[in-house]
Protein backbone atom coordinates (compact mmCIF):
# COMPACT_ATOMS: atom_id res chain seq x y z
CA MET A 1 -20.83 11.26 2.30
CA ILE A 2 -17.59 10.98 0.42
CA ARG A 3 -15.53 8.18 1.90
CA PRO A 4 -12.64 5.97 0.76
CA SER A 5 -14.00 2.87 -0.92
CA LEU A 6 -10.86 0.70 -0.50
CA LEU A 7 -10.27 0.14 3.23
CA ALA A 8 -9.74 -3.63 3.22
CA ILE A 9 -6.26 -5.00 3.83
CA ALA A 10 -6.47 -7.30 0.83
CA VAL A 11 -6.07 -6.52 -2.84
CA LEU A 12 -8.87 -7.10 -5.34
CA LEU A 13 -8.15 -7.80 -8.99
CA MET A 14 -10.67 -8.86 -11.58
CA ALA A 15 -10.11 -9.81 -15.20
CA SER A 16 -11.39 -12.20 -17.87
CA PRO A 17 -8.73 -14.64 -19.07
CA ALA A 18 -11.28 -16.86 -20.79
CA ALA A 19 -14.70 -16.24 -22.28
CA GLY A 20 -17.32 -16.33 -19.54
CA ALA A 21 -14.90 -16.92 -16.64
CA SER A 22 -13.43 -14.23 -14.39
CA VAL A 23 -10.41 -14.28 -12.13
CA GLU A 24 -10.47 -12.52 -8.76
CA ILE A 25 -7.17 -12.08 -6.96
CA GLN A 26 -6.79 -10.74 -3.42
CA LEU A 27 -3.30 -9.68 -2.44
CA GLY A 28 -1.73 -7.39 0.16
CA LEU A 29 1.71 -5.83 -0.36
CA PRO A 30 4.27 -4.84 2.31
CA ALA A 31 5.25 -1.14 2.36
CA ASN A 32 7.47 1.09 4.47
CA ASN A 33 6.82 4.37 6.32
CA GLY A 34 3.63 3.06 7.95
CA LEU A 35 1.85 2.74 4.59
CA TYR A 36 -0.46 -0.02 3.33
CA ALA A 37 -0.51 -1.21 -0.27
CA ARG A 38 -2.97 -3.24 -2.34
CA VAL A 39 -4.00 -3.64 -5.95
CA ALA A 40 -7.52 -3.42 -7.37
CA ASN A 41 -8.91 -3.85 -10.86
CA PHE A 42 -12.02 -2.00 -11.96
CA GLU A 43 -11.63 -1.01 -15.60
CA GLN A 44 -7.86 -1.22 -15.24
CA ILE A 45 -5.43 -2.60 -12.67
CA THR A 46 -5.00 -0.22 -9.76
CA LEU A 47 -2.27 -0.07 -7.14
CA GLU A 48 -3.41 1.83 -4.05
CA ILE A 49 -1.16 3.23 -1.32
CA GLU A 50 -2.79 4.42 1.92
CA ARG A 51 -1.93 5.87 5.31
CA LYS A 52 -4.38 7.40 7.79
CA GLY A 53 -6.82 8.86 5.28
CA ARG A 54 -4.27 9.71 2.58
CA PHE A 55 -4.50 7.72 -0.65
CA VAL A 56 -2.72 7.42 -3.97
CA THR A 57 -4.01 5.18 -6.76
CA TYR A 58 -2.18 4.26 -9.96
CA GLU A 59 -4.40 2.85 -12.73
CA VAL A 60 -2.74 1.05 -15.64
CA PRO A 61 -3.52 -1.73 -18.13
CA GLY A 62 -2.12 -5.13 -17.14
CA GLU A 63 -2.52 -8.86 -17.46
CA VAL A 64 -4.33 -11.11 -14.97
CA THR A 65 -4.60 -14.85 -15.67
CA GLU A 66 -5.49 -18.00 -13.80
CA THR A 67 -1.80 -18.41 -12.97
CA GLY A 68 -0.76 -14.92 -11.90
CA LEU A 69 -0.40 -11.21 -12.61
CA LYS A 70 1.88 -8.94 -14.65
CA VAL A 71 1.59 -5.15 -14.63
CA ARG A 72 4.05 -2.27 -15.06
CA PHE A 73 3.61 1.14 -13.44
CA GLY A 74 5.79 3.18 -15.78
CA GLU A 75 9.24 3.83 -14.33
CA LEU A 76 7.88 3.47 -10.80
CA GLY A 77 7.68 -0.31 -10.63
CA LEU A 78 6.71 -3.76 -11.81
CA ILE A 79 4.61 -6.62 -10.45
CA ASP A 80 5.23 -9.92 -12.23
CA VAL A 81 4.15 -12.87 -10.09
CA ALA A 82 2.97 -16.46 -10.44
CA PHE A 83 0.36 -17.93 -8.10
CA LYS A 84 1.15 -21.05 -6.07
CA PRO A 85 -1.97 -22.37 -4.30
CA THR A 86 -1.73 -23.93 -0.84
CA GLU A 87 -5.44 -24.62 -0.29
CA THR A 88 -8.28 -24.93 -2.81
CA ARG A 89 -12.02 -25.54 -2.65
CA THR A 90 -14.66 -25.69 -5.36
CA ASP A 91 -18.08 -24.10 -5.81
CA LYS A 92 -20.25 -26.41 -7.90
CA PRO A 93 -23.18 -25.27 -10.05
CA PRO A 94 -26.53 -25.35 -8.20
CA LYS A 95 -29.25 -27.88 -8.91
CA GLY A 96 -30.59 -27.44 -12.44
CA CYS A 97 -27.31 -26.04 -13.78
CA ARG A 98 -24.40 -27.68 -15.56
CA GLY A 99 -20.81 -26.57 -16.04
CA ARG A 100 -17.34 -26.54 -14.56
CA PRO A 101 -17.20 -25.55 -10.88
CA SER A 102 -15.69 -22.28 -9.70
CA LYS A 103 -12.34 -22.68 -7.95
CA LEU A 104 -11.33 -20.69 -4.86
CA SER A 105 -7.68 -20.86 -3.80
CA GLU A 106 -5.39 -19.44 -1.12
CA GLY A 107 -1.65 -19.30 -1.61
CA LEU A 108 1.45 -17.28 -2.45
CA PHE A 109 2.23 -14.92 -5.31
CA VAL A 110 5.91 -15.42 -6.10
CA GLY A 111 8.15 -13.34 -8.39
CA THR A 112 9.02 -9.65 -8.80
CA ILE A 113 7.23 -7.03 -6.70
CA GLU A 114 8.95 -3.64 -6.88
CA PHE A 115 7.55 -0.12 -6.60
CA THR A 116 9.03 3.23 -5.52
CA GLY A 117 6.67 6.19 -5.20
CA GLU A 118 7.39 9.74 -6.29
CA ARG A 119 9.91 11.48 -4.03
CA GLU A 120 10.37 8.02 -2.47
CA TYR A 121 7.36 8.48 -0.17
CA VAL A 122 6.92 4.68 -0.32
CA ARG A 123 9.01 1.67 -1.26
CA ILE A 124 7.68 -1.84 -1.91
CA GLU A 125 10.16 -4.62 -2.56
CA THR A 126 9.53 -8.32 -1.99
CA THR A 127 9.57 -11.65 -3.83
CA GLN A 128 6.33 -13.09 -2.48
CA ALA A 129 3.01 -12.09 -0.94
CA GLU A 130 0.06 -14.02 0.46
CA GLY A 131 -3.30 -13.83 -1.24
CA THR A 132 -6.19 -15.63 -2.90
CA LEU A 133 -7.05 -16.43 -6.50
CA ASN A 134 -10.67 -17.24 -7.33
CA ILE A 135 -11.86 -18.43 -10.74
CA TRP A 136 -15.57 -17.69 -11.07
CA ARG A 137 -17.47 -19.63 -13.76
CA GLU A 138 -21.13 -18.80 -13.00
CA SER A 139 -21.54 -17.05 -16.35
CA GLU A 140 -20.54 -20.29 -18.10
CA TRP A 141 -23.13 -22.45 -16.33
CA ARG A 142 -26.08 -23.67 -18.40
CA CYS A 143 -29.25 -23.66 -16.33
CA SER A 144 -32.68 -25.06 -17.16
CA ASP A 145 -34.58 -22.41 -15.21
CA ARG A 146 -33.74 -18.74 -14.99
CA GLU A 147 -34.21 -16.88 -11.76
CA ARG A 148 -37.07 -14.41 -11.93
CA PRO A 149 -36.04 -10.80 -11.26
CA MET A 150 -37.38 -9.31 -8.05
CA ARG A 151 -40.05 -6.69 -8.52
CA THR A 152 -40.04 -3.45 -6.58
CA HIS A 153 -43.42 -2.05 -5.52
CA THR A 154 -43.09 1.72 -5.35
CA ALA A 155 -46.73 2.36 -4.47
CA MET A 156 -46.37 0.89 -0.97
CA GLN A 157 -43.99 2.10 1.70
CA THR A 158 -43.12 0.18 4.84
CA PRO A 159 -43.21 2.02 8.19
CA ALA A 160 -39.41 1.74 8.41
CA LEU A 161 -38.99 3.36 4.97
CA ARG A 162 -41.43 6.14 5.81
CA SER A 163 -39.61 6.74 9.10
CA ARG A 164 -36.21 6.90 7.37
CA ARG A 165 -37.45 9.38 4.77
CA GLN A 166 -39.09 11.49 7.44
CA SER A 167 -35.83 11.49 9.41
CA GLU A 168 -33.90 12.62 6.33
CA ALA A 169 -36.42 15.36 5.65
CA GLU A 170 -35.81 16.72 9.16
CA LYS A 171 -32.07 17.08 8.47
CA GLU A 172 -30.33 19.87 6.61
CA PRO A 173 -27.35 18.87 4.42
CA ALA A 174 -24.79 21.00 2.63
CA ILE A 175 -21.92 20.46 0.21
CA LEU A 176 -19.26 23.10 -0.40
CA ALA A 177 -16.99 22.31 -3.36
CA ALA A 178 -14.07 24.27 -4.79
CA GLY A 179 -12.16 23.28 -7.91
CA SER A 180 -9.64 24.47 -10.46
CA ARG A 181 -9.08 23.26 -14.01
CA GLY A 182 -5.55 24.60 -13.85
CA CYS A 183 -4.43 21.99 -11.32
CA ASN A 184 -7.06 19.35 -12.20
CA CYS A 185 -7.96 19.15 -8.53
CA PHE A 186 -10.77 19.88 -6.08
CA PHE A 187 -11.68 20.36 -2.41
CA ALA A 188 -15.07 19.43 -0.97
CA ALA A 189 -16.81 19.50 2.40
CA TYR A 190 -20.02 17.68 3.31
CA THR A 191 -22.14 18.03 6.42
CA VAL A 192 -25.66 17.30 7.62
CA ARG A 193 -27.39 18.80 10.67
CA ASP A 194 -30.37 17.76 12.73
CA ARG A 195 -32.84 20.27 14.18
CA LYS A 196 -30.56 20.89 17.15
CA GLY A 197 -27.60 21.64 14.92
CA HIS A 198 -25.78 18.42 15.75
CA GLY A 199 -23.90 16.49 13.10
CA SER A 200 -20.51 15.77 11.60
CA SER A 201 -18.44 17.12 8.74
CA ASP A 202 -16.32 15.34 6.12
CA PHE A 203 -13.57 16.89 4.02
CA VAL A 204 -11.73 15.62 0.95
CA GLY A 205 -9.08 17.04 -1.35
CA ALA A 206 -7.92 15.31 -4.54
CA GLN A 207 -5.63 15.83 -7.52
CA PHE A 208 -5.63 13.92 -10.83
CA GLU A 209 -2.70 13.31 -13.17
CA ASP A 210 -1.91 11.32 -16.34
CA ARG A 211 1.70 10.16 -16.71
CA GLU A 212 3.46 7.29 -18.48
CA GLY A 213 0.15 5.68 -19.35
CA MET A 214 -0.98 5.85 -15.71
CA GLU A 215 -4.00 7.62 -14.27
CA ILE A 216 -2.84 8.86 -10.86
CA THR A 217 -5.25 10.08 -8.17
CA ARG A 218 -4.01 11.54 -4.89
CA SER A 219 -6.59 12.21 -2.19
CA THR A 220 -6.86 12.99 1.50
CA PHE A 221 -9.92 12.47 3.71
CA VAL A 222 -10.67 13.70 7.22
CA GLU A 223 -13.72 13.82 9.52
CA ALA A 224 -14.58 16.54 12.02
CA GLY A 225 -17.37 17.88 14.21
CA SER A 226 -20.21 20.16 13.17
CA SER A 227 -18.31 23.36 14.00
CA ALA A 228 -15.77 22.68 11.26
CA PHE A 229 -18.38 23.46 8.58
CA VAL A 230 -20.87 26.24 9.29
CA PHE A 231 -23.36 27.22 6.57
CA ASN A 232 -26.52 29.22 5.90
CA HIS A 233 -28.38 28.27 2.72
CA THR A 234 -30.72 31.27 2.93
CA ALA A 235 -27.87 33.74 3.15
CA GLY A 236 -25.69 31.72 0.78
CA THR A 237 -22.70 31.68 3.13
CA ALA A 238 -20.38 29.03 4.49
CA ARG A 239 -17.21 28.77 6.56
CA VAL A 240 -14.94 25.72 6.75
CA HIS A 241 -12.04 24.99 9.06
CA PRO A 242 -10.94 21.39 8.42
CA PRO A 243 -8.77 19.70 11.07
CA PRO A 244 -5.28 18.26 10.56
CA PRO A 245 -3.75 16.98 8.37
CA PHE A 246 -5.52 19.83 6.50
CA SER A 247 -4.54 23.36 7.45
CA GLY A 248 -6.08 26.80 7.00
CA HIS A 249 -9.70 27.87 6.59
CA GLY A 250 -12.11 29.08 3.92
CA ALA A 251 -15.14 31.37 3.52
CA PHE A 252 -17.83 31.38 0.81
CA LYS A 253 -20.42 34.03 -0.12
CA ARG A 254 -22.98 33.64 -2.92
CA ARG A 255 -23.45 36.80 -5.03
CA LEU A 256 -26.26 37.45 -7.50
CA HIS A 257 -24.68 39.77 -10.05
CA SER A 258 -21.02 38.76 -9.93
CA ARG A 259 -18.83 35.75 -9.34
CA ASP A 260 -19.36 34.06 -5.96
CA LEU A 261 -16.76 35.04 -3.38
CA TRP A 262 -14.29 32.35 -2.22
CA ARG A 263 -11.43 33.13 0.12
CA SER A 264 -9.22 30.31 1.38
CA THR A 265 -5.89 29.53 3.04
CA ILE A 266 -6.63 25.79 3.04
CA GLN A 267 -3.83 23.39 2.18
CA VAL A 268 -4.37 19.67 1.55
CA PRO A 269 -1.36 17.37 2.11
CA LEU A 270 -0.85 14.69 -0.56
CA LEU A 271 1.35 11.60 -0.70
CA GLY A 272 4.15 11.98 -3.24
CA ALA A 273 3.30 15.56 -4.26
CA ASP A 274 3.17 19.17 -3.05
CA PRO A 275 0.13 20.15 -0.94
CA LEU A 276 -2.92 21.50 -2.73
CA ARG A 277 -3.40 25.21 -2.14
CA ILE A 278 -7.14 25.68 -2.36
CA GLY A 279 -6.89 29.50 -2.30
CA ASP A 280 -4.71 29.78 -5.42
CA PRO A 281 -6.06 31.82 -8.38
CA GLY A 282 -8.47 29.89 -10.58
CA PHE A 283 -10.42 28.17 -7.79
CA ARG A 284 -14.18 28.62 -7.89
CA ALA A 285 -16.58 27.35 -5.22
CA ARG A 286 -20.27 26.41 -4.95
CA LEU A 287 -22.56 25.77 -1.99
CA VAL A 288 -25.45 23.36 -2.60
CA ARG A 289 -28.06 21.52 -0.57
CA ALA A 290 -27.76 17.77 -1.14
CA PHE A 291 -27.74 14.34 0.50
CA PRO A 292 -25.17 11.70 -0.52
CA GLY A 293 -26.40 9.80 -3.56
CA GLY A 294 -28.35 12.83 -4.83
CA ARG A 295 -31.28 12.72 -2.41
């Protein structure tokens, strides 16, 4: 199932200011219009804005150190803050290891925090925010004994594992996906049914953009009942009617000797941009049988 991965209130940043050590910063940002804001760092620093299943993420290079954070989001904003700890504890190396302890701190990030989203859908402006700054040094520790990796025995299956796999085999999943290279966007629906036809449906629409050195992703997620996504793998047909904030409906028909048929009036609302129109020319759709994770 496709779901948002960043639902925590805090912000997660990770970087490597010194060889072997890593800095992890958690920080929440105040925002208007009922929105929530946080920053995350995977390969780059990411600012995420969210409200009721609608997300925008801005990925940019930046600087994270043991004393704070500095990152610019093009003309949209700047975060340049120093960390002032109010409470700190240490995490010493375990028995048999030597090295400097990790340091875990709570405190305030003080400085410039300014961001205005496209079309002013959000505004963030403050001089301080609460958060945590953790300095992890496990990779620097020198240990006499190395932990043995756990081995996985694939020849034996526990009753619980067999039961779970049997349960999955009794379910029928489906994914309907429609995309267009012209808008660099997509729409997808996922559902799974039991033998009685019961289940749930999940819908997502997303658009990707590169601007001012930023990678911007806008997405909207919504859940619905089984009737919102009706499919027949044998016939190669599907119908989707996602609930608000989506609008419209779509129909798919697989064809052997010509392009598959896709008719849609679906619109996906996005923060800071026009809605996606999934029925515009250039959209192509596919219906496949799949479990989340490729099972």
